[in-house]
Amino acid sequence: MAIGHYNKEQMTLEYSEEYKTFFCKDKHAYDVVEWYAQENFYKYINKQPDEIKNIVIVGAYFGTEISKYKMLYKNANFYCFEPHKQHFEMLSKKWAGKNRVPYVKIYNVAASFEQSESMFYKTNEDGNSSLLKFQGHELGHPMYVEDVDIVKTVRLDSLPELQNITIDLLQIDTQGAELMVLKGTTGILSNVQSLMLEVHTKDFIKPWDREPYRGQCYLNELVTFLKDHDLSVKYVGLDNEGGNGQGNSFWCKENKRSEK
């Protein structure tokens, strides 16, 4: 997809009365909504691309989004959180050490609702580890937990560098633990202008998708929590190929919304 040129007019959208928002019905909706949010979120917070200053990425993996974001938002700074040791090593290799750039800060911690330590469940499928234990294998899913680490957890609102800035976009991909992260942002959530979240719904086909991660949150819970903080969901794109009820979503401040 061409950078900077993915518009909502290219998406097949269907309004959901249940969530009061639009669901993308494209075959690859999971990716489509992610691309759309990355390339267009600035419009919804009434800014120009060069006015975007701060992007926070929780569940940064290898930091693959940073390069794309930097092409679109040349003045942006990035705060990236990744608790997985091996993934953080790759993240560090690219963005720290001899390759360090001043606009990227990386943290080898898990964002959550308390300052503590927690078990971190590593699965055999890359990019699917979580603070929550994957349990889908008990009902036949081929993915399973292969190792457990103890990781440090932090509240995002405890970090001085995030307390007095406007966060133009907060991106969270934590395999069902999104609400745990958000509960640790309440002290700074008023400064968050837009969000991109991985979400889960009950629109699944296979039995192991009912609650693949033990204690995970669902879209309706996020809607309720974020509505109390003046953030509402604009677009959701589920994995229409897998039919597993999982997808990506874009949110923005009620008083910042624009249909540009």
Protein backbone atom coordinates (compact mmCIF):
# COMPACT_ATOMS: atom_id res chain seq x y z
CA MET A 1 0.00 0.00 0.00
CA ALA A 2 1.43 3.38 -0.96
CA ILE A 3 2.50 5.38 2.06
CA GLY A 4 0.27 8.33 2.82
CA HIS A 5 -2.42 7.46 0.28
CA TYR A 6 -4.81 5.09 2.04
CA ASN A 7 -8.19 6.80 2.39
CA LYS A 8 -11.40 5.63 4.01
CA GLU A 9 -13.11 5.94 0.62
CA GLN A 10 -11.08 2.87 -0.36
CA MET A 11 -12.53 0.82 2.48
CA THR A 12 -15.76 -1.17 2.39
CA LEU A 13 -17.49 0.01 5.57
CA GLU A 14 -20.56 -1.17 7.46
CA TYR A 15 -22.04 0.68 10.44
CA SER A 16 -22.47 -1.29 13.68
CA GLU A 17 -25.35 -0.26 15.92
CA GLU A 18 -23.87 -2.30 18.78
CA TYR A 19 -20.63 -0.32 18.86
CA LYS A 20 -21.86 2.87 17.16
CA THR A 21 -18.93 2.79 14.77
CA PHE A 22 -17.84 1.51 11.36
CA PHE A 23 -16.49 -1.97 10.67
CA CYS A 24 -14.30 -2.52 7.64
CA LYS A 25 -15.56 -5.45 5.58
CA ASP A 26 -12.55 -5.83 3.30
CA LYS A 27 -11.03 -9.30 3.12
CA HIS A 28 -7.84 -7.96 4.70
CA ALA A 29 -9.61 -5.58 7.09
CA TYR A 30 -7.20 -6.28 9.96
CA ASP A 31 -4.36 -4.72 7.95
CA VAL A 32 -6.50 -2.17 6.13
CA VAL A 33 -7.58 -0.38 9.32
CA GLU A 34 -4.01 -0.46 10.63
CA TRP A 35 -2.70 1.13 7.43
CA TYR A 36 -5.51 3.68 7.41
CA ALA A 37 -4.88 4.71 11.01
CA GLN A 38 -1.12 5.00 10.52
CA GLU A 39 -1.50 7.19 7.46
CA ASN A 40 -4.47 9.33 8.47
CA PHE A 41 -4.68 9.71 12.25
CA TYR A 42 -3.30 13.25 12.10
CA LYS A 43 -6.47 14.40 10.30
CA TYR A 44 -8.67 13.32 13.21
CA ILE A 45 -6.73 15.39 15.71
CA ASN A 46 -6.74 18.46 13.45
CA LYS A 47 -3.02 18.56 12.79
CA GLN A 48 -0.71 18.53 9.81
CA PRO A 49 1.84 15.71 9.43
CA ASP A 50 4.75 17.95 10.42
CA GLU A 51 2.92 18.87 13.65
CA ILE A 52 2.96 15.28 14.94
CA LYS A 53 5.48 15.21 17.81
CA ASN A 54 4.97 12.11 19.97
CA ILE A 55 3.99 8.51 19.17
CA VAL A 56 3.97 5.81 21.88
CA ILE A 57 4.13 2.17 20.78
CA VAL A 58 3.35 -0.55 23.36
CA GLY A 59 4.24 -4.00 22.10
CA ALA A 60 6.84 -2.59 19.73
CA TYR A 61 8.14 -5.99 18.55
CA PHE A 62 11.04 -5.14 16.19
CA GLY A 63 9.95 -1.52 15.69
CA THR A 64 9.02 -2.04 12.06
CA GLU A 65 6.43 0.76 12.16
CA ILE A 66 8.95 3.41 13.18
CA SER A 67 10.46 3.84 9.72
CA LYS A 68 7.05 4.22 8.09
CA TYR A 69 5.87 6.68 10.72
CA LYS A 70 9.06 8.72 10.36
CA MET A 71 8.53 9.02 6.60
CA LEU A 72 5.03 10.34 7.22
CA TYR A 73 5.71 12.39 10.37
CA LYS A 74 9.23 13.77 10.08
CA ASN A 75 9.18 15.61 13.43
CA ALA A 76 7.87 12.71 15.51
CA ASN A 77 9.54 11.23 18.59
CA PHE A 78 8.90 7.58 19.49
CA TYR A 79 8.59 5.87 22.87
CA CYS A 80 8.64 2.10 22.35
CA PHE A 81 7.92 -0.62 24.93
CA GLU A 82 8.83 -4.28 24.42
CA PRO A 83 9.21 -6.80 27.29
CA HIS A 84 10.18 -9.85 25.16
CA LYS A 85 13.96 -10.21 25.63
CA GLN A 86 14.76 -11.48 22.16
CA HIS A 87 12.49 -8.97 20.45
CA PHE A 88 13.97 -6.16 22.51
CA GLU A 89 17.45 -7.23 21.44
CA MET A 90 16.42 -6.79 17.81
CA LEU A 91 14.71 -3.49 18.62
CA SER A 92 17.84 -2.32 20.41
CA LYS A 93 20.14 -3.46 17.63
CA LYS A 94 18.25 -1.36 15.10
CA TRP A 95 17.49 1.76 17.11
CA ALA A 96 20.03 1.88 19.96
CA GLY A 97 23.74 1.22 20.38
CA LYS A 98 25.83 2.41 17.47
CA ASN A 99 22.65 2.99 15.49
CA ARG A 100 21.06 5.17 18.16
CA VAL A 101 18.88 7.99 16.90
CA PRO A 102 17.70 10.80 19.18
CA TYR A 103 14.04 10.50 18.25
CA VAL A 104 13.58 6.87 19.43
CA LYS A 105 13.49 5.80 23.09
CA ILE A 106 13.12 2.11 23.89
CA TYR A 107 12.11 0.37 27.13
CA ASN A 108 12.57 -3.32 27.97
CA VAL A 109 9.48 -3.40 30.21
CA ALA A 110 5.81 -4.34 29.99
CA ALA A 111 3.27 -1.54 30.28
CA SER A 112 0.51 -2.43 32.76
CA PHE A 113 -1.61 -1.02 35.59
CA GLU A 114 1.00 -1.36 38.36
CA GLN A 115 4.70 -0.98 39.07
CA SER A 116 5.78 -4.53 39.76
CA GLU A 117 6.96 -7.75 38.14
CA SER A 118 4.83 -10.20 36.22
CA MET A 119 4.94 -13.48 34.38
CA PHE A 120 5.30 -13.01 30.64
CA TYR A 121 4.07 -15.93 28.53
CA LYS A 122 6.10 -16.58 25.38
CA THR A 123 4.38 -18.57 22.65
CA ASN A 124 5.80 -20.72 19.87
CA GLU A 125 4.41 -18.29 17.29
CA ASP A 126 6.44 -15.10 17.06
CA GLY A 127 4.69 -11.87 18.03
CA ASN A 128 1.95 -13.48 20.15
CA SER A 129 3.45 -13.39 23.64
CA SER A 130 1.57 -11.62 26.43
CA LEU A 131 1.22 -10.83 30.11
CA LEU A 132 -1.85 -13.05 29.81
CA LYS A 133 -1.52 -16.81 29.44
CA PHE A 134 -2.51 -18.19 26.06
CA GLN A 135 -5.00 -21.02 26.61
CA GLY A 136 -6.39 -21.64 23.13
CA HIS A 137 -4.28 -24.78 22.77
CA GLU A 138 -6.51 -26.43 25.39
CA LEU A 139 -9.27 -26.41 22.77
CA GLY A 140 -7.11 -27.41 19.83
CA HIS A 141 -5.29 -24.27 18.68
CA PRO A 142 -1.77 -25.10 17.37
CA MET A 143 -0.15 -22.20 19.24
CA TYR A 144 1.01 -22.84 22.80
CA VAL A 145 3.09 -21.31 25.60
CA GLU A 146 6.66 -22.55 25.30
CA ASP A 147 8.41 -20.43 27.94
CA VAL A 148 7.74 -17.98 30.76
CA ASP A 149 9.86 -14.96 31.74
CA ILE A 150 9.57 -12.62 34.69
CA VAL A 151 9.39 -9.04 33.42
CA LYS A 152 9.23 -5.62 35.00
CA THR A 153 5.89 -3.84 34.63
CA VAL A 154 5.40 -0.07 34.67
CA ARG A 155 2.52 2.35 34.51
CA LEU A 156 2.98 4.62 31.53
CA ASP A 157 1.77 7.55 33.58
CA SER A 158 4.65 6.99 36.03
CA LEU A 159 7.27 7.93 33.43
CA PRO A 160 8.36 11.58 33.68
CA GLU A 161 9.04 11.80 29.94
CA LEU A 162 5.37 11.05 29.17
CA GLN A 163 3.75 13.21 31.82
CA ASN A 164 3.91 16.65 30.28
CA ILE A 165 3.65 16.01 26.56
CA THR A 166 0.81 15.64 24.08
CA ILE A 167 0.71 12.05 22.84
CA ASP A 168 -0.55 12.30 19.29
CA LEU A 169 -0.95 8.53 18.90
CA LEU A 170 -0.83 5.70 21.43
CA GLN A 171 -0.52 2.33 19.68
CA ILE A 172 -1.11 -0.80 21.79
CA ASP A 173 -0.76 -4.40 20.60
CA THR A 174 -0.53 -6.64 23.66
CA GLN A 175 -2.58 -9.75 22.88
CA GLY A 176 -5.66 -9.11 25.01
CA ALA A 177 -3.90 -7.06 27.70
CA GLU A 178 -4.83 -3.69 26.18
CA LEU A 179 -7.08 -2.69 29.08
CA MET A 180 -4.29 -3.48 31.57
CA VAL A 181 -2.10 -1.02 29.68
CA LEU A 182 -4.80 1.65 29.51
CA LYS A 183 -5.51 1.44 33.24
CA GLY A 184 -1.89 2.44 33.73
CA THR A 185 -2.33 5.58 31.62
CA THR A 186 -5.13 7.30 33.55
CA GLY A 187 -2.78 10.04 34.75
CA ILE A 188 -1.86 11.01 31.18
CA LEU A 189 -4.86 9.80 29.16
CA SER A 190 -6.20 13.34 28.92
CA ASN A 191 -3.09 14.12 26.84
CA VAL A 192 -3.65 11.22 24.42
CA GLN A 193 -5.25 12.45 21.21
CA SER A 194 -5.76 9.18 19.34
CA LEU A 195 -5.30 5.43 19.76
CA MET A 196 -4.70 2.37 17.66
CA LEU A 197 -5.59 -0.82 19.53
CA GLU A 198 -5.67 -4.49 18.75
CA VAL A 199 -9.15 -5.63 19.80
CA HIS A 200 -11.11 -8.82 20.38
CA THR A 201 -14.82 -9.38 19.81
CA LYS A 202 -17.13 -12.36 20.28
CA ASP A 203 -17.44 -12.73 16.49
CA PHE A 204 -15.40 -15.91 16.29
CA ILE A 205 -15.82 -19.26 14.51
CA LYS A 206 -13.50 -21.69 16.26
CA PRO A 207 -14.09 -22.61 19.95
CA TRP A 208 -10.52 -21.70 20.94
CA ASP A 209 -11.19 -18.08 19.98
CA ARG A 210 -13.76 -17.59 22.76
CA GLU A 211 -11.07 -16.47 25.19
CA PRO A 212 -7.66 -17.33 23.70
CA TYR A 213 -5.80 -15.33 26.37
CA ARG A 214 -6.95 -15.94 29.92
CA GLY A 215 -8.64 -12.84 31.35
CA GLN A 216 -8.34 -10.82 28.13
CA CYS A 217 -10.40 -7.73 27.44
CA TYR A 218 -12.97 -7.30 24.67
CA LEU A 219 -14.00 -4.40 22.47
CA ASN A 220 -17.09 -3.56 24.53
CA GLU A 221 -14.95 -3.17 27.65
CA LEU A 222 -12.59 -0.81 25.85
CA VAL A 223 -15.54 1.23 24.55
CA THR A 224 -16.86 1.68 28.08
CA PHE A 225 -13.49 2.54 29.60
CA LEU A 226 -12.40 4.98 26.91
CA LYS A 227 -15.78 6.68 26.63
CA ASP A 228 -15.27 7.87 30.21
CA HIS A 229 -12.06 9.52 28.98
CA ASP A 230 -13.64 11.18 25.91
CA LEU A 231 -12.09 8.73 23.44
CA SER A 232 -14.36 6.93 21.00
CA VAL A 233 -13.82 4.25 18.38
CA LYS A 234 -13.96 5.32 14.73
CA TYR A 235 -13.05 2.25 12.70
CA VAL A 236 -12.62 -1.47 13.39
CA GLY A 237 -11.18 -4.07 11.04
CA LEU A 238 -11.47 -7.72 12.06
CA ASP A 239 -9.46 -10.60 10.65
CA ASN A 240 -12.09 -11.54 8.09
CA GLU A 241 -9.93 -14.36 6.73
CA GLY A 242 -9.45 -16.16 10.05
CA GLY A 243 -12.84 -15.30 11.54
CA ASN A 244 -11.29 -15.26 14.99
CA GLY A 245 -12.95 -12.10 16.30
CA GLN A 246 -9.64 -10.25 16.47
CA GLY A 247 -8.73 -7.05 14.70
CA ASN A 248 -7.35 -3.53 14.76
CA SER A 249 -9.19 -0.36 15.69
CA PHE A 250 -8.69 3.42 15.54
CA TRP A 251 -9.96 5.84 18.22
CA CYS A 252 -9.78 9.58 18.79
CA LYS A 253 -10.83 12.31 21.20
CA GLU A 254 -14.52 13.24 21.00
CA ASN A 255 -13.71 16.93 20.79
CA LYS A 256 -10.88 16.41 18.30
CA ARG A 257 -12.67 14.41 15.64
CA SER A 258 -12.61 15.53 12.06
CA GLU A 259 -13.88 13.93 8.87
CA LYS A 260 -11.16 15.39 6.67
